[in-house]
Amino acid sequence: MRKTLLIHTALGEAIIALASDDHLIEVLHNYNPKEHSSFLHKGIQQLLRNNNLRPGDITLIGTITGPGSYTGIRIGIAAAKGLSFALGIPIVGCSMLELIVHTVMEQTQYREISWVPVIHARQQEFYYGIYSERGELIHPEGLINLKEDRFPEIQENQCFTGLRQEEAELSVGAPGSESIFVESISSQAFLQLVLHKYHSGESVDAAGLLPNYLKEAFTTTPKGV
């Protein structure tokens, strides 16, 4: 039986989960981004201990490569790479925007529209992409500044989607557009997406896993400098 470890630390809510084939065994959450690193490593140990497993029992890793928090992305990718290298097992990297779409698809009955997932970057910047009604990318993911531009190709059969925390920010930049927001990411949707990519030959080794930042890191000058 395939044992899959899921890692998502790219946003404010972190998720790690353990699955056996296509069934989730246990899911852990952390809601403090400053604690994602310690949560991740302690959580993996807890998942293994709770289910009488050893690290060598894990046969596949699924992780979020971005976009999202730079620190969060690096935490997840570093853990996935380390485990992959040590255990000699493959990794499946997933886009955060793609996972949002698959979460919404799981939780709604909408099937005749395409999706425009968004993640608030900073100020009026948003990460976004356009996905088909089947959850396939049909417009490259990118970054947009709504002070200077507008979302491309938004049509009547397209729907904005994202996490609930993005709703107020997006309403400023895209008033009147149809939108659906969810409270949090679905671990089951995450698992199904990882397994689909794995069976489609989209896994990589530790060296092949790359972050999907979509923008350069934003830094500020320390006070007093």
C-alpha atoms as a PDB file:
ATOM      1  CA  MET A   1       0.000   0.000   0.000  1.00  0.00           C
ATOM      2  CA  ARG A   2       1.323   3.415  -0.965  1.00  0.00           C
ATOM      3  CA  LYS A   3       1.945   5.755   1.959  1.00  0.00           C
ATOM      4  CA  THR A   4       1.821   9.418   0.919  1.00  0.00           C
ATOM      5  CA  LEU A   5       2.952  12.369   3.015  1.00  0.00           C
ATOM      6  CA  LEU A   6       1.316  15.700   2.138  1.00  0.00           C
ATOM      7  CA  ILE A   7       3.008  19.002   3.009  1.00  0.00           C
ATOM      8  CA  HIS A   8       1.434  22.457   2.672  1.00  0.00           C
ATOM      9  CA  THR A   9       3.102  25.396   4.432  1.00  0.00           C
ATOM     10  CA  ALA A  10       2.706  28.048   1.710  1.00  0.00           C
ATOM     11  CA  LEU A  11      -0.027  30.139   3.382  1.00  0.00           C
ATOM     12  CA  GLY A  12      -1.250  31.075   6.845  1.00  0.00           C
ATOM     13  CA  GLU A  13      -2.774  27.658   7.520  1.00  0.00           C
ATOM     14  CA  ALA A  14      -0.292  24.798   7.261  1.00  0.00           C
ATOM     15  CA  ILE A  15      -1.371  21.215   6.641  1.00  0.00           C
ATOM     16  CA  ILE A  16       0.502  17.948   6.880  1.00  0.00           C
ATOM     17  CA  ALA A  17      -1.296  14.706   6.243  1.00  0.00           C
ATOM     18  CA  LEU A  18      -0.655  11.008   5.893  1.00  0.00           C
ATOM     19  CA  ALA A  19      -2.540   8.816   3.450  1.00  0.00           C
ATOM     20  CA  SER A  20      -2.681   5.147   2.573  1.00  0.00           C
ATOM     21  CA  ASP A  21      -3.387   4.766  -1.146  1.00  0.00           C
ATOM     22  CA  ASP A  22      -6.308   7.156  -1.768  1.00  0.00           C
ATOM     23  CA  HIS A  23      -7.513   7.343   1.838  1.00  0.00           C
ATOM     24  CA  LEU A  24      -6.425   9.971   4.348  1.00  0.00           C
ATOM     25  CA  ILE A  25      -5.240   8.473   7.624  1.00  0.00           C
ATOM     26  CA  GLU A  26      -4.591  11.601   9.679  1.00  0.00           C
ATOM     27  CA  VAL A  27      -4.385  15.364   9.095  1.00  0.00           C
ATOM     28  CA  LEU A  28      -2.691  17.992  11.268  1.00  0.00           C
ATOM     29  CA  HIS A  29      -3.149  21.783  11.037  1.00  0.00           C
ATOM     30  CA  ASN A  30      -1.206  24.823  12.206  1.00  0.00           C
ATOM     31  CA  TYR A  31      -2.591  28.369  12.058  1.00  0.00           C
ATOM     32  CA  ASN A  32       0.458  30.371  13.154  1.00  0.00           C
ATOM     33  CA  PRO A  33       2.798  30.995  10.185  1.00  0.00           C
ATOM     34  CA  LYS A  34       5.695  31.760  12.546  1.00  0.00           C
ATOM     35  CA  GLU A  35       5.492  28.173  13.812  1.00  0.00           C
ATOM     36  CA  HIS A  36       5.211  26.373  10.459  1.00  0.00           C
ATOM     37  CA  SER A  37       8.788  25.054  10.575  1.00  0.00           C
ATOM     38  CA  SER A  38       8.611  23.506  14.045  1.00  0.00           C
ATOM     39  CA  PHE A  39       5.053  22.307  13.387  1.00  0.00           C
ATOM     40  CA  LEU A  40       6.124  20.548  10.207  1.00  0.00           C
ATOM     41  CA  HIS A  41       8.970  18.517  11.642  1.00  0.00           C
ATOM     42  CA  LYS A  42       7.240  17.677  14.919  1.00  0.00           C
ATOM     43  CA  GLY A  43       4.029  16.916  13.023  1.00  0.00           C
ATOM     44  CA  ILE A  44       5.687  14.426  10.687  1.00  0.00           C
ATOM     45  CA  GLN A  45       7.117  12.600  13.689  1.00  0.00           C
ATOM     46  CA  GLN A  46       3.682  12.631  15.323  1.00  0.00           C
ATOM     47  CA  LEU A  47       1.956  11.253  12.226  1.00  0.00           C
ATOM     48  CA  LEU A  48       4.426   8.386  11.972  1.00  0.00           C
ATOM     49  CA  ARG A  49       4.302   7.625  15.680  1.00  0.00           C
ATOM     50  CA  ASN A  50       0.500   7.717  15.838  1.00  0.00           C
ATOM     51  CA  ASN A  51       0.250   5.226  12.993  1.00  0.00           C
ATOM     52  CA  ASN A  52       3.108   2.904  13.958  1.00  0.00           C
ATOM     53  CA  LEU A  53       5.123   3.805  10.873  1.00  0.00           C
ATOM     54  CA  ARG A  54       8.777   4.560  10.196  1.00  0.00           C
ATOM     55  CA  PRO A  55      10.107   7.193   7.777  1.00  0.00           C
ATOM     56  CA  GLY A  56      11.038   4.383   5.402  1.00  0.00           C
ATOM     57  CA  ASP A  57       7.361   3.428   5.102  1.00  0.00           C
ATOM     58  CA  ILE A  58       6.616   6.671   3.212  1.00  0.00           C
ATOM     59  CA  THR A  59       6.686   6.030  -0.531  1.00  0.00           C
ATOM     60  CA  LEU A  60       5.528   9.375  -1.981  1.00  0.00           C
ATOM     61  CA  ILE A  61       5.604  13.041  -0.960  1.00  0.00           C
ATOM     62  CA  GLY A  62       3.226  15.720  -2.190  1.00  0.00           C
ATOM     63  CA  THR A  63       4.077  19.353  -1.484  1.00  0.00           C
ATOM     64  CA  ILE A  64       2.965  22.846  -2.452  1.00  0.00           C
ATOM     65  CA  THR A  65       5.578  24.725  -4.484  1.00  0.00           C
ATOM     66  CA  GLY A  66       3.835  28.125  -4.408  1.00  0.00           C
ATOM     67  CA  PRO A  67       2.843  30.796  -4.945  1.00  0.00           C
ATOM     68  CA  GLY A  68       2.375  32.100  -1.430  1.00  0.00           C
ATOM     69  CA  SER A  69       4.607  33.005   1.505  1.00  0.00           C
ATOM     70  CA  TYR A  70       8.290  32.841   0.541  1.00  0.00           C
ATOM     71  CA  THR A  71       9.271  31.500   3.942  1.00  0.00           C
ATOM     72  CA  GLY A  72       6.412  29.005   3.959  1.00  0.00           C
ATOM     73  CA  ILE A  73       7.257  27.735   0.482  1.00  0.00           C
ATOM     74  CA  ARG A  74      10.915  27.251   1.408  1.00  0.00           C
ATOM     75  CA  ILE A  75      10.000  25.389   4.598  1.00  0.00           C
ATOM     76  CA  GLY A  76       7.835  22.887   2.754  1.00  0.00           C
ATOM     77  CA  ILE A  77      10.194  22.380  -0.164  1.00  0.00           C
ATOM     78  CA  ALA A  78      13.231  21.931   2.099  1.00  0.00           C
ATOM     79  CA  ALA A  79      11.438  19.239   4.102  1.00  0.00           C
ATOM     80  CA  ALA A  80      10.193  17.464   0.971  1.00  0.00           C
ATOM     81  CA  LYS A  81      13.647  17.536  -0.635  1.00  0.00           C
ATOM     82  CA  GLY A  82      15.338  16.255   2.514  1.00  0.00           C
ATOM     83  CA  LEU A  83      12.950  13.336   2.908  1.00  0.00           C
ATOM     84  CA  SER A  84      13.041  12.515  -0.792  1.00  0.00           C
ATOM     85  CA  PHE A  85      16.826  12.454  -0.861  1.00  0.00           C
ATOM     86  CA  ALA A  86      17.167  10.446   2.357  1.00  0.00           C
ATOM     87  CA  LEU A  87      14.481   7.893   1.486  1.00  0.00           C
ATOM     88  CA  GLY A  88      14.970   7.777  -2.277  1.00  0.00           C
ATOM     89  CA  ILE A  89      11.304   8.460  -2.999  1.00  0.00           C
ATOM     90  CA  PRO A  90       9.568  10.727  -5.554  1.00  0.00           C
ATOM     91  CA  ILE A  91       7.941  14.096  -4.940  1.00  0.00           C
ATOM     92  CA  VAL A  92       4.890  15.609  -6.613  1.00  0.00           C
ATOM     93  CA  GLY A  93       4.849  19.401  -6.582  1.00  0.00           C
ATOM     94  CA  CYS A  94       1.485  21.174  -6.779  1.00  0.00           C
ATOM     95  CA  SER A  95       0.577  24.791  -7.414  1.00  0.00           C
ATOM     96  CA  MET A  96      -1.276  26.523  -4.600  1.00  0.00           C
ATOM     97  CA  LEU A  97      -3.618  28.073  -7.168  1.00  0.00           C
ATOM     98  CA  GLU A  98      -4.310  24.671  -8.680  1.00  0.00           C
ATOM     99  CA  LEU A  99      -5.106  23.219  -5.261  1.00  0.00           C
ATOM    100  CA  ILE A 100      -7.534  26.062  -4.550  1.00  0.00           C
ATOM    101  CA  VAL A 101      -9.387  25.208  -7.771  1.00  0.00           C
ATOM    102  CA  HIS A 102      -9.576  21.512  -6.909  1.00  0.00           C
ATOM    103  CA  THR A 103     -10.806  22.335  -3.408  1.00  0.00           C
ATOM    104  CA  VAL A 104     -13.601  24.504  -4.805  1.00  0.00           C
ATOM    105  CA  MET A 105     -14.509  21.873  -7.391  1.00  0.00           C
ATOM    106  CA  GLU A 106     -14.802  19.287  -4.618  1.00  0.00           C
ATOM    107  CA  GLN A 107     -17.069  21.507  -2.523  1.00  0.00           C
ATOM    108  CA  THR A 108     -19.392  22.950  -5.185  1.00  0.00           C
ATOM    109  CA  GLN A 109     -21.669  21.742  -7.978  1.00  0.00           C
ATOM    110  CA  TYR A 110     -20.280  24.172 -10.555  1.00  0.00           C
ATOM    111  CA  ARG A 111     -19.198  22.259 -13.661  1.00  0.00           C
ATOM    112  CA  GLU A 112     -19.856  24.523 -16.648  1.00  0.00           C
ATOM    113  CA  ILE A 113     -17.466  27.357 -15.801  1.00  0.00           C
ATOM    114  CA  SER A 114     -13.739  27.918 -15.744  1.00  0.00           C
ATOM    115  CA  TRP A 115     -11.938  29.175 -12.669  1.00  0.00           C
ATOM    116  CA  VAL A 116      -9.764  32.181 -11.865  1.00  0.00           C
ATOM    117  CA  PRO A 117      -8.044  31.343  -8.545  1.00  0.00           C
ATOM    118  CA  VAL A 118      -6.425  34.245  -6.698  1.00  0.00           C
ATOM    119  CA  ILE A 119      -4.054  34.666  -3.784  1.00  0.00           C
ATOM    120  CA  HIS A 120      -3.423  38.112  -2.327  1.00  0.00           C
ATOM    121  CA  ALA A 121       0.293  38.922  -2.574  1.00  0.00           C
ATOM    122  CA  ARG A 122       0.589  42.431  -1.065  1.00  0.00           C
ATOM    123  CA  GLN A 123      -1.229  45.746  -1.451  1.00  0.00           C
ATOM    124  CA  GLN A 124      -3.196  45.295  -4.713  1.00  0.00           C
ATOM    125  CA  GLU A 125      -1.058  42.508  -6.133  1.00  0.00           C
ATOM    126  CA  PHE A 126      -2.544  39.071  -6.741  1.00  0.00           C
ATOM    127  CA  TYR A 127      -1.222  35.741  -7.901  1.00  0.00           C
ATOM    128  CA  TYR A 128      -3.692  34.226 -10.339  1.00  0.00           C
ATOM    129  CA  GLY A 129      -4.246  31.725 -13.141  1.00  0.00           C
ATOM    130  CA  ILE A 130      -7.145  30.537 -15.284  1.00  0.00           C
ATOM    131  CA  TYR A 131      -8.221  26.904 -15.100  1.00  0.00           C
ATOM    132  CA  SER A 132     -10.774  24.935 -17.099  1.00  0.00           C
ATOM    133  CA  GLU A 133     -13.923  23.382 -15.641  1.00  0.00           C
ATOM    134  CA  ARG A 134     -11.834  20.211 -15.242  1.00  0.00           C
ATOM    135  CA  GLY A 135      -9.170  21.998 -13.217  1.00  0.00           C
ATOM    136  CA  GLU A 136      -6.594  22.154 -16.027  1.00  0.00           C
ATOM    137  CA  LEU A 137      -4.444  25.265 -16.497  1.00  0.00           C
ATOM    138  CA  ILE A 138      -5.526  27.216 -19.597  1.00  0.00           C
ATOM    139  CA  HIS A 139      -3.815  30.569 -18.912  1.00  0.00           C
ATOM    140  CA  PRO A 140      -0.328  30.764 -17.362  1.00  0.00           C
ATOM    141  CA  GLU A 141      -0.152  31.615 -13.692  1.00  0.00           C
ATOM    142  CA  GLY A 142       1.191  35.056 -12.996  1.00  0.00           C
ATOM    143  CA  LEU A 143       1.206  38.157 -10.847  1.00  0.00           C
ATOM    144  CA  ILE A 144      -0.997  41.189 -11.461  1.00  0.00           C
ATOM    145  CA  ASN A 145      -1.074  44.622  -9.872  1.00  0.00           C
ATOM    146  CA  LEU A 146      -4.649  45.900  -9.950  1.00  0.00           C
ATOM    147  CA  LYS A 147      -3.435  49.484  -9.588  1.00  0.00           C
ATOM    148  CA  GLU A 148      -1.972  49.216 -13.065  1.00  0.00           C
ATOM    149  CA  ASP A 149      -3.781  46.422 -14.888  1.00  0.00           C
ATOM    150  CA  ARG A 150      -6.812  44.144 -14.919  1.00  0.00           C
ATOM    151  CA  PHE A 151      -7.292  40.402 -15.022  1.00  0.00           C
ATOM    152  CA  PRO A 152      -7.160  39.175 -18.660  1.00  0.00           C
ATOM    153  CA  GLU A 153      -9.867  37.270 -20.496  1.00  0.00           C
ATOM    154  CA  ILE A 154     -12.404  37.300 -17.678  1.00  0.00           C
ATOM    155  CA  GLN A 155     -15.656  36.202 -19.314  1.00  0.00           C
ATOM    156  CA  GLU A 156     -19.203  35.441 -18.206  1.00  0.00           C
ATOM    157  CA  ASN A 157     -18.468  31.746 -17.771  1.00  0.00           C
ATOM    158  CA  GLN A 158     -15.431  32.374 -15.555  1.00  0.00           C
ATOM    159  CA  CYS A 159     -15.557  32.588 -11.798  1.00  0.00           C
ATOM    160  CA  PHE A 160     -13.082  34.057  -9.329  1.00  0.00           C
ATOM    161  CA  THR A 161     -12.213  31.719  -6.495  1.00  0.00           C
ATOM    162  CA  GLY A 162      -9.911  31.617  -3.497  1.00  0.00           C
ATOM    163  CA  LEU A 163      -9.774  31.323   0.249  1.00  0.00           C
ATOM    164  CA  ARG A 164     -12.261  33.330   2.291  1.00  0.00           C
ATOM    165  CA  GLN A 165      -9.488  35.602   3.556  1.00  0.00           C
ATOM    166  CA  GLU A 166      -9.021  36.938  -0.003  1.00  0.00           C
ATOM    167  CA  GLU A 167     -12.661  37.960  -0.508  1.00  0.00           C
ATOM    168  CA  ALA A 168     -12.495  41.529   0.806  1.00  0.00           C
ATOM    169  CA  GLU A 169      -9.255  42.293  -1.040  1.00  0.00           C
ATOM    170  CA  LEU A 170     -10.495  40.964  -4.364  1.00  0.00           C
ATOM    171  CA  SER A 171     -13.821  42.804  -4.201  1.00  0.00           C
ATOM    172  CA  VAL A 172     -11.886  46.069  -4.480  1.00  0.00           C
ATOM    173  CA  GLY A 173     -10.159  45.050  -7.692  1.00  0.00           C
ATOM    174  CA  ALA A 174     -12.909  43.071  -9.399  1.00  0.00           C
ATOM    175  CA  PRO A 175     -16.265  44.481  -8.265  1.00  0.00           C
ATOM    176  CA  GLY A 176     -19.361  42.719  -9.549  1.00  0.00           C
ATOM    177  CA  SER A 177     -17.538  39.605 -10.768  1.00  0.00           C
ATOM    178  CA  GLU A 178     -18.943  36.226  -9.810  1.00  0.00           C
ATOM    179  CA  SER A 179     -16.884  34.589  -7.098  1.00  0.00           C
ATOM    180  CA  ILE A 180     -16.824  31.550  -4.818  1.00  0.00           C
ATOM    181  CA  PHE A 181     -14.635  31.383  -1.724  1.00  0.00           C
ATOM    182  CA  VAL A 182     -13.872  28.499   0.617  1.00  0.00           C
ATOM    183  CA  GLU A 183     -12.795  28.563   4.241  1.00  0.00           C
ATOM    184  CA  SER A 184      -9.736  26.334   3.882  1.00  0.00           C
ATOM    185  CA  ILE A 185      -7.911  23.902   1.646  1.00  0.00           C
ATOM    186  CA  SER A 186      -9.276  20.367   1.352  1.00  0.00           C
ATOM    187  CA  SER A 187      -6.752  17.702   2.346  1.00  0.00           C
ATOM    188  CA  GLN A 188      -8.698  15.144   0.309  1.00  0.00           C
ATOM    189  CA  ALA A 189      -8.510  17.340  -2.789  1.00  0.00           C
ATOM    190  CA  PHE A 190      -4.770  17.734  -2.131  1.00  0.00           C
ATOM    191  CA  LEU A 191      -4.331  13.968  -1.966  1.00  0.00           C
ATOM    192  CA  GLN A 192      -6.319  13.305  -5.137  1.00  0.00           C
ATOM    193  CA  LEU A 193      -4.384  15.983  -7.020  1.00  0.00           C
ATOM    194  CA  VAL A 194      -1.041  14.523  -5.911  1.00  0.00           C
ATOM    195  CA  LEU A 195      -2.054  10.978  -6.873  1.00  0.00           C
ATOM    196  CA  HIS A 196      -3.364  12.124 -10.259  1.00  0.00           C
ATOM    197  CA  LYS A 197      -0.092  13.881 -11.020  1.00  0.00           C
ATOM    198  CA  TYR A 198       1.927  10.920  -9.820  1.00  0.00           C
ATOM    199  CA  HIS A 199       0.041   8.458 -12.023  1.00  0.00           C
ATOM    200  CA  SER A 200       0.405  10.916 -14.931  1.00  0.00           C
ATOM    201  CA  GLY A 201       4.186  10.775 -14.592  1.00  0.00           C
ATOM    202  CA  GLU A 202       4.619  14.229 -13.056  1.00  0.00           C
ATOM    203  CA  SER A 203       6.747  13.263 -10.055  1.00  0.00           C
ATOM    204  CA  VAL A 204      10.361  14.421  -9.633  1.00  0.00           C
ATOM    205  CA  ASP A 205      13.324  13.630  -7.440  1.00  0.00           C
ATOM    206  CA  ALA A 206      14.765  15.975  -4.811  1.00  0.00           C
ATOM    207  CA  ALA A 207      16.892  17.858  -7.336  1.00  0.00           C
ATOM    208  CA  GLY A 208      13.953  18.380  -9.677  1.00  0.00           C
ATOM    209  CA  LEU A 209      11.620  20.076  -7.176  1.00  0.00           C
ATOM    210  CA  LEU A 210      11.592  23.827  -7.778  1.00  0.00           C
ATOM    211  CA  PRO A 211       9.711  26.659  -6.028  1.00  0.00           C
ATOM    212  CA  ASN A 212       6.954  28.539  -7.848  1.00  0.00           C
ATOM    213  CA  TYR A 213       7.368  32.033  -6.375  1.00  0.00           C
ATOM    214  CA  LEU A 214       5.971  34.000  -9.379  1.00  0.00           C
ATOM    215  CA  LYS A 215       7.650  37.177  -8.055  1.00  0.00           C
ATOM    216  CA  GLU A 216      10.850  38.327  -6.438  1.00  0.00           C
ATOM    217  CA  ALA A 217      11.009  38.543  -2.669  1.00  0.00           C
ATOM    218  CA  PHE A 218       9.788  41.833  -1.188  1.00  0.00           C
ATOM    219  CA  THR A 219      12.023  43.288   1.491  1.00  0.00           C
ATOM    220  CA  THR A 220      11.909  46.477   3.517  1.00  0.00           C
ATOM    221  CA  THR A 221      14.745  48.533   4.914  1.00  0.00           C
ATOM    222  CA  PRO A 222      15.178  47.937   8.671  1.00  0.00           C
ATOM    223  CA  LYS A 223      14.252  50.873  10.869  1.00  0.00           C
ATOM    224  CA  GLY A 224      17.183  53.087  11.771  1.00  0.00           C
ATOM    225  CA  VAL A 225      19.122  52.319   8.574  1.00  0.00           C
END
